[in-house]
């Protein structure tokens, strides 16, 4: 799997959001992040930042892409935003959990999708059959 620069940045944002949320859930929240709203605000901002860094350069390019991918990511994105808004408005721990699950899911879907698009000129059918050796990636069965 090959990560783009944008995916590395988005991964960092999502990892920080997950770490902040994990600390909050475990009762070891960072100073100033002891409430649902404070943790939710930071996690939501990091989620928006991750989304903004990982999207294609233009909206027109997005609309010309894979329609199933667009539909799934749009739906998961709406779930994340609604969860985030409810976490902030109602100080709902459950809504914050939903937002975090949706954020991590969206990150995973987008990262896999982007890495497949960024793969070298490997035939599409064998991209998932790649293993890595000290000499670099090789399709399964080729040594």
Protein backbone atom coordinates (compact mmCIF):
# COMPACT_ATOMS: atom_id res chain seq x y z
CA UNK A 1 0.00 0.00 0.00
CA UNK A 2 1.39 3.37 -0.99
CA UNK A 3 0.36 6.46 0.98
CA UNK A 4 0.08 9.86 -0.63
CA UNK A 5 1.40 12.93 1.18
CA UNK A 6 -2.20 14.03 1.79
CA UNK A 7 -3.05 10.65 3.32
CA UNK A 8 -0.10 10.88 5.69
CA UNK A 9 -1.30 14.29 6.87
CA UNK A 10 -4.90 13.05 7.23
CA UNK A 11 -3.65 9.98 9.12
CA UNK A 12 -1.84 12.23 11.57
CA UNK A 13 -4.97 14.30 12.22
CA UNK A 14 -7.13 11.22 12.74
CA UNK A 15 -4.51 9.59 14.99
CA UNK A 16 -4.36 12.70 17.17
CA UNK A 17 -8.17 12.83 17.36
CA UNK A 18 -8.31 9.12 18.28
CA UNK A 19 -5.61 9.59 20.93
CA UNK A 20 -7.42 12.58 22.48
CA UNK A 21 -10.69 10.63 22.47
CA UNK A 22 -9.00 7.54 23.91
CA UNK A 23 -7.47 9.56 26.73
CA UNK A 24 -10.85 11.18 27.44
CA UNK A 25 -12.67 7.82 27.52
CA UNK A 26 -10.06 6.33 29.86
CA UNK A 27 -10.38 9.25 32.28
CA UNK A 28 -6.91 10.59 31.52
CA UNK A 29 -8.02 13.58 29.42
CA UNK A 30 -5.53 16.27 28.59
CA UNK A 31 -5.87 19.57 30.50
CA UNK A 32 -8.84 21.54 29.20
CA UNK A 33 -10.37 18.49 27.48
CA UNK A 34 -12.30 16.96 30.37
CA UNK A 35 -15.78 17.66 28.93
CA UNK A 36 -17.61 16.01 26.05
CA UNK A 37 -17.89 19.36 24.32
CA UNK A 38 -14.19 20.21 24.59
CA UNK A 39 -13.05 16.79 23.40
CA UNK A 40 -15.73 16.78 20.70
CA UNK A 41 -14.74 20.23 19.47
CA UNK A 42 -11.10 19.25 19.05
CA UNK A 43 -11.92 15.88 17.48
CA UNK A 44 -14.42 17.46 15.08
CA UNK A 45 -11.92 20.13 14.04
CA UNK A 46 -9.26 17.47 13.46
CA UNK A 47 -11.76 15.43 11.44
CA UNK A 48 -12.57 18.41 9.24
CA UNK A 49 -8.84 19.05 8.79
CA UNK A 50 -8.26 15.40 7.83
CA UNK A 51 -11.10 15.51 5.35
CA UNK A 52 -9.88 18.75 3.80
CA UNK A 53 -6.36 17.40 3.28
CA UNK A 54 -7.40 14.04 1.85
CA UNK A 55 -9.93 15.13 -0.79
CA UNK A 56 -9.18 15.42 -4.48
CA UNK A 57 -7.98 18.81 -5.74
CA UNK A 58 -11.32 19.90 -7.22
CA UNK A 59 -14.99 19.12 -6.67
CA UNK A 60 -15.40 18.42 -10.41
CA UNK A 61 -12.76 15.66 -10.16
CA UNK A 62 -14.63 14.19 -7.21
CA UNK A 63 -17.88 14.04 -9.18
CA UNK A 64 -16.13 12.29 -12.09
CA UNK A 65 -14.77 9.60 -9.76
CA UNK A 66 -16.24 6.36 -8.47
CA UNK A 67 -19.91 6.98 -7.66
CA UNK A 68 -20.18 4.15 -5.11
CA UNK A 69 -17.13 5.49 -3.24
CA UNK A 70 -18.65 8.99 -3.33
CA UNK A 71 -22.00 7.74 -1.98
CA UNK A 72 -20.46 5.69 0.84
CA UNK A 73 -18.04 8.39 1.96
CA UNK A 74 -20.75 11.05 1.77
CA UNK A 75 -23.05 8.94 3.96
CA UNK A 76 -20.33 8.18 6.51
CA UNK A 77 -19.32 11.86 6.46
CA UNK A 78 -22.87 12.95 7.24
CA UNK A 79 -22.98 10.48 10.14
CA UNK A 80 -19.71 11.94 11.46
CA UNK A 81 -20.93 15.53 11.20
CA UNK A 82 -24.32 14.79 12.78
CA UNK A 83 -22.59 12.89 15.58
CA UNK A 84 -20.21 15.79 16.09
CA UNK A 85 -22.96 18.39 16.16
CA UNK A 86 -24.99 16.32 18.65
CA UNK A 87 -21.88 15.77 20.79
CA UNK A 88 -21.41 19.54 20.96
CA UNK A 89 -25.06 20.61 21.25
CA UNK A 90 -26.22 17.98 23.76
CA UNK A 91 -22.88 17.04 25.34
CA UNK A 92 -23.69 13.48 24.30
CA UNK A 93 -20.99 10.88 24.98
CA UNK A 94 -22.75 8.44 22.63
CA UNK A 95 -22.82 10.96 19.78
CA UNK A 96 -19.12 11.61 20.30
CA UNK A 97 -18.46 7.86 20.06
CA UNK A 98 -20.50 7.69 16.84
CA UNK A 99 -18.54 10.62 15.41
CA UNK A 100 -15.22 8.98 16.26
CA UNK A 101 -16.25 5.63 14.75
CA UNK A 102 -17.45 7.35 11.59
CA UNK A 103 -14.27 9.46 11.39
CA UNK A 104 -11.98 6.44 11.70
CA UNK A 105 -14.14 4.49 9.23
CA UNK A 106 -14.08 7.33 6.74
CA UNK A 107 -10.32 7.66 7.11
CA UNK A 108 -9.86 3.91 6.52
CA UNK A 109 -12.10 3.87 3.43
CA UNK A 110 -10.43 6.95 1.94
CA UNK A 111 -6.88 5.80 2.70
CA UNK A 112 -7.40 2.40 1.09
CA UNK A 113 -9.12 4.01 -1.90
CA UNK A 114 -6.33 6.56 -2.36
CA UNK A 115 -3.59 3.97 -1.99
CA UNK A 116 -5.19 1.84 -4.71
CA UNK A 117 -5.39 4.87 -6.99
CA UNK A 118 -1.76 5.76 -6.24
CA UNK A 119 -0.49 2.23 -6.85
CA UNK A 120 2.10 1.92 -9.61
CA UNK A 121 1.13 0.47 -12.96
CA UNK A 122 0.14 -2.82 -11.38
CA UNK A 123 -2.86 -4.48 -13.00
CA UNK A 124 -5.94 -3.67 -10.93
CA UNK A 125 -6.75 -7.34 -10.26
CA UNK A 126 -3.37 -7.98 -8.58
CA UNK A 127 -3.04 -4.82 -6.49
CA UNK A 128 -4.39 -6.58 -3.41
CA UNK A 129 -2.00 -9.50 -3.92
CA UNK A 130 1.17 -7.54 -3.28
CA UNK A 131 3.76 -8.62 -0.72
CA UNK A 132 6.86 -6.70 0.29
CA UNK A 133 10.46 -7.85 0.36
CA UNK A 134 13.76 -6.00 0.83
CA UNK A 135 13.86 -5.65 -2.97
CA UNK A 136 10.48 -3.88 -3.03
CA UNK A 137 6.87 -4.90 -3.66
CA UNK A 138 6.16 -7.95 -5.80
CA UNK A 139 2.88 -9.50 -6.87
CA UNK A 140 2.20 -12.76 -5.03
CA UNK A 141 3.87 -15.71 -6.74
CA UNK A 142 6.64 -13.62 -8.34
CA UNK A 143 10.00 -13.86 -6.51
